Protein backbone atom coordinates (compact mmCIF):
# COMPACT_ATOMS: atom_id res chain seq x y z
CA MET A 1 13.40 149.09 16.25
CA GLY A 2 11.20 146.70 16.68
CA SER A 3 11.47 146.98 20.38
CA ARG A 4 11.23 150.71 20.09
CA GLU A 5 8.04 150.38 18.16
CA THR A 6 6.84 147.97 20.73
CA HIS A 7 7.49 150.30 23.76
CA LEU A 8 6.05 153.21 21.69
CA LYS A 9 2.84 151.32 20.91
CA ILE A 10 3.01 150.57 24.88
CA GLY A 11 2.97 154.27 25.48
CA LEU A 12 0.37 155.00 23.33
CA VAL A 13 -2.56 152.40 24.88
CA ALA A 14 -1.21 153.02 28.26
CA ALA A 15 -1.58 157.04 27.40
CA LEU A 16 -5.65 156.39 25.97
CA ALA A 17 -6.37 154.15 29.09
CA LEU A 18 -4.74 156.94 31.56
CA ILE A 19 -7.36 159.54 29.75
CA ASP A 20 -10.16 157.28 29.95
CA ALA A 21 -9.39 156.96 33.66
CA ILE A 22 -8.96 160.59 34.63
CA TRP A 23 -11.94 161.44 32.27
CA ILE A 24 -14.01 158.95 34.12
CA ILE A 25 -13.29 160.15 37.54
CA ALA A 26 -13.40 163.61 36.70
CA GLY A 27 -16.58 163.47 34.74
CA GLY A 28 -18.58 161.73 37.45
CA PHE A 29 -19.04 158.44 35.41
CA SER A 30 -18.94 155.09 37.06
CA PHE A 31 -17.30 152.07 35.35
CA ASP A 32 -18.14 148.55 35.50
CA LEU A 33 -14.23 147.05 36.28
CA SER A 34 -15.31 143.53 35.85
CA SER A 35 -16.15 144.17 32.06
CA LEU A 36 -12.40 144.48 31.66
CA THR A 37 -11.71 140.62 32.61
CA SER A 38 -12.09 139.44 28.97
CA ALA A 39 -10.06 142.19 27.49
CA ILE A 40 -7.36 142.01 30.14
CA CYS A 41 -6.99 137.99 29.94
CA ALA A 42 -7.04 138.19 26.30
CA THR A 43 -4.01 140.54 25.97
CA VAL A 44 -1.98 139.12 28.62
CA ALA A 45 -2.56 135.50 26.89
CA MET A 46 -1.30 136.94 23.62
CA ALA A 47 1.59 139.04 25.18
CA ALA A 48 2.49 135.90 26.52
CA ILE A 49 2.65 134.15 23.17
CA GLY A 50 4.80 137.22 21.93
CA TYR A 51 7.28 136.96 24.42
CA VAL A 52 7.52 133.61 24.34
CA TYR A 53 8.53 132.99 20.62
CA ALA A 54 10.40 136.42 20.90
CA ARG A 55 12.95 135.24 23.65
CA LEU A 56 12.49 131.57 24.62
CA ARG A 57 11.53 129.67 21.46
CA PRO A 58 12.37 132.10 18.78
CA ASN A 59 9.85 132.71 15.84
CA ALA A 60 9.54 135.58 14.29
CA ARG A 61 6.03 135.43 12.71
CA LEU A 62 4.48 133.89 16.15
CA ALA A 63 6.15 136.40 18.18
CA ALA A 64 4.67 139.27 15.92
CA MET A 65 1.14 137.48 15.85
CA GLY A 66 0.96 137.19 19.54
CA THR A 67 2.49 140.74 20.47
CA GLU A 68 0.43 142.59 17.58
CA THR A 69 -2.67 140.89 18.56
CA ALA A 70 -2.47 142.35 22.06
CA PHE A 71 -1.62 145.84 21.15
CA LEU A 72 -5.22 145.41 18.77
CA ILE A 73 -7.31 143.82 21.88
CA SER A 74 -5.94 146.65 24.47
CA PHE A 75 -6.25 149.34 22.27
CA SER A 76 -10.11 148.35 21.13
CA ALA A 77 -11.01 148.26 24.64
CA ALA A 78 -9.41 151.93 25.76
CA ALA A 79 -10.94 153.46 22.27
CA ALA A 80 -14.40 152.19 22.75
CA LEU A 81 -14.24 153.89 26.24
CA PHE A 82 -12.75 156.91 24.68
CA SER A 83 -15.75 156.69 22.07
CA TYR A 84 -18.26 156.84 24.87
CA LEU A 85 -16.44 159.60 27.10
CA MET A 86 -16.27 161.94 23.61
CA ALA A 87 -19.58 161.43 22.97
CA SER A 88 -20.83 162.68 26.29
CA LEU A 89 -19.31 166.33 24.92
CA ASP A 90 -22.83 166.59 23.69
CA ARG A 91 -21.28 169.27 21.03
CA PRO A 92 -23.83 170.47 18.34
CA LEU A 93 -24.78 168.10 15.73
CA ILE A 94 -23.55 168.43 12.00
CA ASP A 95 -26.12 166.07 10.12
CA GLY A 96 -27.36 169.06 8.59
CA ALA A 97 -23.96 170.25 6.56
CA LEU A 98 -23.34 166.50 6.21
CA MET A 99 -26.53 166.10 4.27
CA ARG A 100 -25.96 169.05 1.95
CA ALA A 101 -22.35 167.49 1.07
CA ASP A 102 -24.48 164.40 0.24
CA ALA A 103 -26.47 166.20 -1.80
CA TRP A 104 -23.80 168.42 -3.41
CA MET A 105 -22.21 164.79 -4.42
CA GLY A 106 -25.80 163.65 -5.80
CA PHE A 107 -26.06 161.45 -2.94
CA ASP A 108 -29.67 160.40 -1.81
CA TRP A 109 -29.66 158.35 1.10
CA MET A 110 -33.71 157.53 0.89
CA ALA A 111 -33.05 156.61 -2.69
CA TYR A 112 -30.16 154.48 -2.08
CA VAL A 113 -31.24 152.24 0.74
CA GLY A 114 -34.78 152.03 -0.93
CA PHE A 115 -33.19 150.57 -4.10
CA VAL A 116 -31.80 147.93 -1.67
CA ASN A 117 -34.98 147.67 -0.18
CA VAL A 118 -37.00 146.40 -3.12
CA HIS A 119 -33.88 143.91 -4.23
CA PRO A 120 -33.66 141.42 -0.87
CA TRP A 121 -30.45 140.04 -2.04
CA LEU A 122 -28.91 143.10 -1.92
CA GLY A 123 -29.88 143.59 1.54
CA THR A 124 -28.42 140.28 2.46
CA LEU A 125 -25.12 140.98 0.79
CA SER A 126 -24.82 144.24 2.14
CA SER A 127 -25.48 142.81 5.79
CA ALA A 128 -22.75 140.08 5.29
CA VAL A 129 -19.93 142.23 3.49
CA TYR A 130 -20.68 145.10 6.29
CA GLN A 131 -20.26 142.61 9.24
CA SER A 132 -17.10 141.14 7.94
CA CYS A 133 -14.90 144.32 8.52
CA LEU A 134 -13.83 143.66 11.77
CA PHE A 135 -13.58 139.75 11.24
CA GLN A 136 -11.15 140.69 8.38
CA VAL A 137 -9.45 142.86 10.46
CA ALA A 138 -8.60 140.24 13.51
CA LEU A 139 -8.02 138.06 10.36
CA ALA A 140 -5.39 140.21 9.14
CA PHE A 141 -3.43 140.16 12.70
CA ILE A 142 -2.89 136.17 11.93
CA LEU A 143 -2.52 135.98 8.07
CA LEU A 144 0.33 138.86 7.82
CA PRO A 145 2.62 137.56 10.26
CA SER A 146 1.71 133.73 9.24
CA ILE A 147 2.43 134.58 5.52
CA GLY A 148 6.08 136.46 6.01
CA ARG A 149 4.60 139.92 6.43
CA THR A 150 5.72 140.93 10.11
CA ASP A 151 6.51 144.37 8.84
CA ARG A 152 2.82 144.72 7.59
CA VAL A 153 1.35 143.69 10.80
CA ARG A 154 3.44 145.82 12.81
CA GLU A 155 2.48 148.78 10.43
CA LEU A 156 -1.40 147.79 10.42
CA THR A 157 -1.33 148.15 14.11
CA TRP A 158 0.06 151.65 13.83
CA LEU A 159 -2.78 152.31 11.34
CA VAL A 160 -5.54 150.83 13.33
CA MET A 161 -4.45 152.81 16.37
CA ILE A 162 -4.08 156.30 14.81
CA SER A 163 -6.70 156.33 12.66
CA GLY A 164 -9.32 155.22 15.69
CA ILE A 165 -7.87 157.81 17.82
CA VAL A 166 -8.18 160.48 14.90
CA CYS A 167 -11.61 159.35 13.95
CA ILE A 168 -13.01 159.22 17.40
CA THR A 169 -11.69 163.01 18.50
CA ILE A 170 -13.39 164.28 15.57
CA SER A 171 -16.77 162.44 15.50
CA GLY A 172 -16.52 163.89 19.66
CA LEU A 173 -15.50 167.51 18.40
CA LEU A 174 -18.01 167.37 15.29
CA PRO A 175 -20.56 164.88 16.54
CA ALA A 176 -23.43 163.00 13.82
CA LEU A 177 -26.18 160.90 14.02
CA GLY A 178 -25.56 159.39 10.59
CA ALA A 179 -28.26 159.66 7.83
CA MET A 180 -30.52 156.85 8.94
CA ALA A 181 -30.98 158.76 12.54
CA TYR A 182 -31.04 161.79 11.19
CA LEU A 183 -33.90 161.38 8.48
CA HIS A 184 -35.63 158.48 10.62
CA PRO A 185 -37.44 157.09 7.96
CA SER A 186 -40.51 154.94 8.97
CA PRO A 187 -40.42 151.49 11.02
CA ALA A 188 -42.07 150.18 7.53
CA PHE A 189 -39.16 151.59 5.64
CA LEU A 190 -36.68 149.79 7.60
CA ALA A 191 -38.28 146.69 8.26
CA GLN A 192 -38.14 146.08 4.47
CA ASN A 193 -34.20 145.27 5.19
CA HIS A 194 -33.50 145.29 8.63
CA PRO A 195 -29.98 147.13 8.86
CA VAL A 196 -27.35 146.12 11.15
CA VAL A 197 -27.23 149.46 12.53
CA ASP A 198 -31.17 150.42 13.39
CA LEU A 199 -32.21 153.37 15.55
CA ALA A 200 -32.27 151.44 18.59
CA TYR A 201 -28.81 151.08 18.01
CA LYS A 202 -28.34 154.86 18.55
CA ALA A 203 -29.84 154.56 22.07
CA PRO A 204 -26.59 155.08 23.77
CA LEU A 205 -25.58 158.15 21.58
CA TYR A 206 -28.72 159.63 22.68
CA ALA A 207 -28.20 158.73 26.29
CA LEU A 208 -24.58 160.00 26.41
CA ARG A 209 -25.41 163.12 25.17
CA ASP A 210 -28.58 164.18 27.48
CA GLY A 211 -26.60 162.53 30.35
CA ALA A 212 -28.82 159.82 31.18
CA LEU A 213 -25.93 157.31 30.79
CA THR A 214 -23.22 157.70 33.39
CA HIS A 215 -22.27 153.93 33.79
CA LEU A 216 -19.91 152.73 31.69
CA SER A 217 -18.87 149.17 30.73
CA LEU A 218 -17.32 147.31 27.86
CA THR A 219 -19.94 144.49 27.76
CA ASN A 220 -21.87 145.38 24.78
CA VAL A 221 -20.10 148.11 23.35
CA HIS A 222 -21.87 150.34 20.40
CA GLY A 223 -19.99 152.16 17.48
CA LEU A 224 -20.74 155.63 17.92
CA VAL A 225 -18.39 157.03 15.22
CA ALA A 226 -20.46 158.72 12.45
CA PHE A 227 -18.48 161.06 10.79
CA PRO A 228 -15.31 160.08 9.70
CA SER A 229 -16.52 156.90 9.19
CA TYR A 230 -14.24 154.70 11.10
CA HIS A 231 -15.60 151.41 9.45
CA VAL A 232 -14.69 152.95 5.86
CA ALA A 233 -11.39 153.93 7.54
CA LEU A 234 -10.35 150.20 8.83
CA CYS A 235 -11.24 149.27 4.91
CA VAL A 236 -9.15 151.36 3.17
CA ILE A 237 -6.65 150.56 5.91
CA LEU A 238 -7.04 146.63 5.14
CA VAL A 239 -6.27 147.53 1.66
CA ILE A 240 -3.15 149.49 2.38
CA ALA A 241 -1.91 146.31 4.34
CA PHE A 242 -2.09 144.03 1.48
CA ARG A 243 -0.61 146.17 -1.16
CA GLY A 244 1.63 144.19 -3.05
CA VAL A 245 0.58 140.76 -1.32
CA LYS A 246 0.47 138.18 -3.84
CA GLY A 247 -2.89 136.48 -4.03
CA TRP A 248 -4.55 138.52 -1.38
CA PHE A 249 -4.35 142.23 -2.45
CA TRP A 250 -7.09 142.23 -4.91
CA PRO A 251 -9.68 139.98 -3.01
CA VAL A 252 -9.20 141.85 -0.06
CA ALA A 253 -9.58 145.06 -1.90
CA GLY A 254 -13.07 143.96 -3.76
CA LEU A 255 -14.48 142.96 -0.79
CA ASN A 256 -13.95 146.00 1.29
CA ALA A 257 -14.88 147.97 -1.79
CA LEU A 258 -18.29 146.23 -1.21
CA VAL A 259 -18.13 146.74 2.28
CA ILE A 260 -18.19 150.70 1.57
CA LEU A 261 -20.62 150.81 -0.61
CA SER A 262 -22.80 148.57 2.63
CA THR A 263 -21.84 151.34 4.67
CA PRO A 264 -25.18 154.01 4.28
CA ILE A 265 -27.28 150.67 4.21
CA ASP A 266 -26.02 148.59 7.04
CA GLY A 267 -24.24 151.33 9.45
CA GLY A 268 -26.62 154.19 8.52
CA HIS A 269 -24.23 156.57 7.44
CA HIS A 270 -23.83 159.46 5.35
CA MET A 271 -21.72 159.08 1.88
CA ILE A 272 -19.49 162.15 3.08
CA ASP A 273 -18.91 159.81 6.24
CA GLY A 274 -17.14 157.27 4.03
CA VAL A 275 -15.22 159.84 1.76
CA GLY A 276 -14.24 161.63 5.29
CA GLY A 277 -13.25 158.06 6.62
CA ALA A 278 -11.01 156.73 3.45
CA ALA A 279 -9.54 160.20 3.42
CA LEU A 280 -8.38 160.11 7.13
CA ALA A 281 -7.27 156.61 6.54
CA LEU A 282 -4.82 157.51 3.48
CA GLY A 283 -3.65 160.24 5.37
CA VAL A 284 -2.75 158.61 8.61
CA ALA A 285 -1.10 156.11 6.18
CA ALA A 286 0.81 158.56 4.36
CA VAL A 287 2.20 159.86 7.77
CA VAL A 288 3.13 156.45 9.41
CA ILE A 289 4.58 154.68 6.34
CA THR A 290 7.04 157.65 6.03
CA LEU A 291 8.09 158.24 9.67
CA ARG A 292 8.70 154.56 9.81
CA LYS A 293 10.74 154.46 6.56
CA ARG A 294 12.64 157.32 7.84
CA LEU A 295 13.16 155.60 11.33
CA GLY A 296 14.59 152.58 9.22
CA VAL A 297 12.25 150.32 10.30
CA SER A 298 11.99 147.06 7.61
CA ASN A 299 9.63 146.86 5.05
CA ARG A 300 10.40 143.73 3.37
CA PRO A 301 8.95 140.40 3.32
CA GLU A 302 10.50 137.98 6.17
CA THR A 303 12.24 135.62 3.80
CA SER A 304 13.69 133.37 6.45
CA GLU A 305 12.29 130.27 7.79
CA PRO A 306 9.51 131.04 10.59
CA GLY A 307 12.07 129.60 13.43
CA ASP A 308 15.09 130.95 12.49
CA ALA A 309 16.67 133.13 15.37
CA PRO A 310 18.87 135.24 13.09
CA ALA A 311 15.27 136.27 11.36
CA LEU A 312 13.77 137.14 14.55
CA ALA A 313 17.02 139.04 15.60
CA ALA A 314 16.66 141.31 12.78
CA GLN A 315 12.98 141.93 13.55
CA HIS A 316 13.79 142.91 16.78
CA ALA A 317 17.17 144.58 16.54
């Protein structure tokens, strides 16, 4: 099943890249092809590592690390373009409805961020943990196979890709600016904390929506998804990926709980954005884990020595 999963992942990334290409041409966009260089080089390098350790120098852990990281890099590039293209649909904003949902839950963005503003150490902590999310994802693609959980890193790839596509699609059809941009607090209010995502960060979203941005590039890409929060979805996915992994689950869960709490502060999100992202991640995980079990994919730790050929054969049977 290992090779079947690999072929399915190649097909998914290729399909997303094809959609991007057709949309760019048909939509009258231009694209900086040179901005693909880093992603292509990194993908090829990691895929080569995966091939070498799958076929020439059998090592199940290094093979999984290389192959799955190649998928992460290539998918991230295709998904970034897809998010920009979806934003260009300029659908009606739903921030008003999201604000009402927050109010129903008893959440007040101004009060929440205002509390952090008068406690600078909370702002520093929030910014640090918020920015750790993508680093955690990258580290998980190295750590999981290195401790013998090649099963989990393959599962993690599916969770990242499918939840990303769903998040981007929903955000394009039901776009939102986020609480910070919707409320547009004063510069003095924002200056008290200097959040990671500020009002200037939203400029590409406005430009895409009004048609001013037609030249796309992977250089300095901004995250445009507000609802549901992909940041929170990734946090939940990381916790799921480390479930039952001794010595790692609780630290990962604790850190990502803090990241989720930081998303209204440093991501400018509505609280309902995070609720939506968490629900989406749990739903995608339930489907992916169930389907992989039905397809007979192993979900057990790799107990053999990393270099054992039999272990590799089992992973790629």
